[in-house]
Every structure is written in C-alpha cells, then in structure tokens.
C-alpha cells in the first residue's frame, strides 16, 4: 500500500512539474514585465494575466485599482480621516496581489518591505500598511 501511495505521489509531482513548465513557457511567451515586480513569479503572473485579460480596458491606474479591489474607500468621520478596505472588485486578483505583498514583506531587501516599514514608522497599522503596499503593487501592474 505504501509503495502504491509513493508511486501515485511521484506521478502527481511529475504532473505538477510539467504543468509548471508549461505555465512558465506561456508567461515567458507573453513577454510581460510582471516578473520584474518582487513577489511575482510565473504562477502569480499567470494568475494576473488570466484575470486581467486586456489591460487596455483600464484607462488609469485608479480604474484598475477599483477593478481589483485595492483602491481604499474613505471612511472618515469629523476630524478623523481614515480609509477602509474595498470589498468590491475582482477578489481573485486581489488575493494574487495580496500574495505578492506578503512575499515582499517577508523578504528584507525588497522595496516593498522598505515601504511597509516606512508606513509603520509613520503610524499606520499593519493592515493599513499592507493595504497601501497592495495599492502600490496594483499601480505597478
């Protein structure tokens, strides 16, 4: 039973490797510059390309941010100015951008990590800093 389980796992791993190779080739064939952004590998780039489709349909960075849910919504009251999470837009694309943001934060020598730390130093909460970083990544995309 153990041998058949190991054989099945090895077969699945070969399938995963083959699919990853195909995805890498497909992303490279598009000649996209998404891979230049820290935290975006071939799989994440493939997710973004699949979800966005034709990038020309977004007139501005702000329109793209609204479409992917990284544009924050003002929730101010009186003298207190704050912004909250936008729960609209393409949630799959938002999750992909979130993954790229967390990857940048996890690696000390990325521009995203330095930006995150500057946000924290200015008094933003961790959630606010991640939200700001996600918007920056969205603008680069």
Protein backbone atom coordinates (compact mmCIF):
# COMPACT_ATOMS: atom_id res chain seq x y z
CA UNK A 1 0.00 0.00 0.00
CA UNK A 2 2.83 2.38 0.88
CA UNK A 3 4.61 1.69 -2.43
CA UNK A 4 1.49 2.40 -4.46
CA UNK A 5 0.95 5.60 -2.49
CA UNK A 6 4.53 6.71 -3.14
CA UNK A 7 4.15 5.90 -6.86
CA UNK A 8 0.97 7.97 -7.01
CA UNK A 9 2.67 10.89 -5.26
CA UNK A 10 5.61 10.76 -7.66
CA UNK A 11 3.25 10.70 -10.63
CA UNK A 12 1.39 13.72 -9.27
CA UNK A 13 4.69 15.55 -8.69
CA UNK A 14 5.71 14.89 -12.31
CA UNK A 15 2.35 16.26 -13.48
CA UNK A 16 2.79 19.36 -11.32
CA UNK A 17 6.30 19.89 -12.67
CA UNK A 18 5.10 19.50 -16.27
CA UNK A 19 2.27 22.00 -15.75
CA UNK A 20 4.61 24.48 -14.05
CA UNK A 21 6.96 24.19 -17.04
CA UNK A 22 4.08 24.86 -19.45
CA UNK A 23 2.92 27.86 -17.42
CA UNK A 24 6.46 29.25 -17.33
CA UNK A 25 6.67 28.95 -21.12
CA UNK A 26 3.27 30.57 -21.63
CA UNK A 27 4.12 33.51 -19.35
CA UNK A 28 7.52 33.98 -21.00
CA UNK A 29 5.84 33.92 -24.43
CA UNK A 30 3.71 36.93 -23.46
CA UNK A 31 6.90 38.94 -22.81
CA UNK A 32 5.23 40.56 -19.83
CA UNK A 33 7.19 42.69 -17.38
CA UNK A 34 5.18 41.44 -14.41
CA UNK A 35 8.07 39.22 -13.35
CA UNK A 36 10.16 42.34 -12.68
CA UNK A 37 7.97 43.07 -9.64
CA UNK A 38 9.21 41.47 -6.43
CA UNK A 39 6.90 38.72 -5.23
CA UNK A 40 5.52 37.89 -8.65
CA UNK A 41 6.71 34.58 -10.05
CA UNK A 42 5.49 32.70 -13.07
CA UNK A 43 2.40 31.29 -11.37
CA UNK A 44 1.32 34.64 -9.92
CA UNK A 45 1.99 36.34 -13.27
CA UNK A 46 -0.16 33.70 -14.97
CA UNK A 47 -2.96 34.40 -12.46
CA UNK A 48 -2.75 38.13 -13.14
CA UNK A 49 -2.69 37.71 -16.92
CA UNK A 50 -5.67 35.37 -16.74
CA UNK A 51 -7.75 37.66 -14.54
CA UNK A 52 -6.88 40.97 -16.23
CA UNK A 53 -7.22 39.91 -19.86
CA UNK A 54 -6.70 43.03 -21.96
CA UNK A 55 -5.00 45.69 -19.79
CA UNK A 56 -6.04 48.42 -22.25
CA UNK A 57 -9.58 48.23 -20.87
CA UNK A 58 -8.40 50.16 -17.79
CA UNK A 59 -7.93 53.84 -18.62
CA UNK A 60 -6.00 54.69 -15.45
CA UNK A 61 -4.22 53.08 -12.51
CA UNK A 62 -7.14 54.16 -10.34
CA UNK A 63 -9.61 52.35 -12.59
CA UNK A 64 -7.51 49.19 -12.36
CA UNK A 65 -7.29 49.58 -8.56
CA UNK A 66 -11.09 49.83 -8.32
CA UNK A 67 -11.44 46.76 -10.55
CA UNK A 68 -9.11 44.66 -8.38
CA UNK A 69 -10.29 45.99 -5.02
CA UNK A 70 -7.05 47.66 -3.90
CA UNK A 71 -8.46 51.20 -4.04
CA UNK A 72 -9.34 52.09 -0.47
CA UNK A 73 -12.65 53.68 0.40
CA UNK A 74 -12.74 56.77 2.56
CA UNK A 75 -14.49 56.17 5.89
CA UNK A 76 -13.79 59.45 7.64
CA UNK A 77 -15.85 60.99 10.38
CA UNK A 78 -15.39 64.53 11.61
CA UNK A 79 -11.69 65.31 12.01
CA UNK A 80 -10.64 61.67 11.87
CA UNK A 81 -9.52 60.79 8.34
CA UNK A 82 -9.21 57.11 7.59
CA UNK A 83 -9.74 54.62 4.78
CA UNK A 84 -11.13 51.14 4.85
CA UNK A 85 -10.83 48.03 2.75
CA UNK A 86 -12.68 47.97 -0.53
CA UNK A 87 -14.55 44.65 -0.62
CA UNK A 88 -15.53 45.12 -4.25
CA UNK A 89 -13.65 44.29 -7.39
CA UNK A 90 -12.11 41.04 -8.54
CA UNK A 91 -11.39 39.11 -5.34
CA UNK A 92 -9.17 36.53 -7.07
CA UNK A 93 -6.95 39.28 -8.48
CA UNK A 94 -6.93 41.00 -5.07
CA UNK A 95 -5.79 37.74 -3.46
CA UNK A 96 -2.99 37.44 -6.01
CA UNK A 97 -1.81 40.99 -5.28
CA UNK A 98 -2.06 40.26 -1.55
CA UNK A 99 0.21 37.23 -2.04
CA UNK A 100 2.77 39.42 -3.81
CA UNK A 101 2.58 41.98 -0.99
CA UNK A 102 3.15 39.38 1.73
CA UNK A 103 6.07 37.94 -0.25
CA UNK A 104 7.65 41.40 -0.48
CA UNK A 105 7.17 41.98 3.25
CA UNK A 106 8.73 38.61 4.06
CA UNK A 107 11.95 39.44 2.17
CA UNK A 108 14.01 42.10 3.91
CA UNK A 109 15.78 43.56 0.88
CA UNK A 110 12.76 44.43 -1.26
CA UNK A 111 11.40 47.88 -1.93
CA UNK A 112 8.01 46.65 -0.72
CA UNK A 113 9.45 45.76 2.69
CA UNK A 114 11.09 49.18 3.00
CA UNK A 115 7.81 50.88 2.03
CA UNK A 116 5.91 48.74 4.57
CA UNK A 117 8.35 49.71 7.31
CA UNK A 118 8.09 53.42 6.38
CA UNK A 119 4.30 53.17 6.64
CA UNK A 120 4.58 51.60 10.09
CA UNK A 121 7.03 54.32 11.15
CA UNK A 122 4.50 56.98 10.07
CA UNK A 123 1.97 55.47 12.46
CA UNK A 124 -0.10 53.30 10.15
CA UNK A 125 -1.36 49.98 11.45
CA UNK A 126 -0.10 46.76 9.88
CA UNK A 127 -3.35 46.36 7.94
CA UNK A 128 -3.18 49.93 6.65
CA UNK A 129 0.44 49.44 5.62
CA UNK A 130 -0.39 46.22 3.75
CA UNK A 131 -3.32 47.96 2.08
CA UNK A 132 -1.04 50.80 0.93
CA UNK A 133 1.57 48.33 -0.35
CA UNK A 134 -1.10 46.42 -2.28
CA UNK A 135 -2.18 49.64 -3.96
CA UNK A 136 1.42 50.34 -4.93
CA UNK A 137 1.76 46.85 -6.42
CA UNK A 138 -1.53 47.36 -8.28
CA UNK A 139 -0.19 50.61 -9.74
CA UNK A 140 2.98 48.83 -10.93
CA UNK A 141 0.95 46.06 -12.54
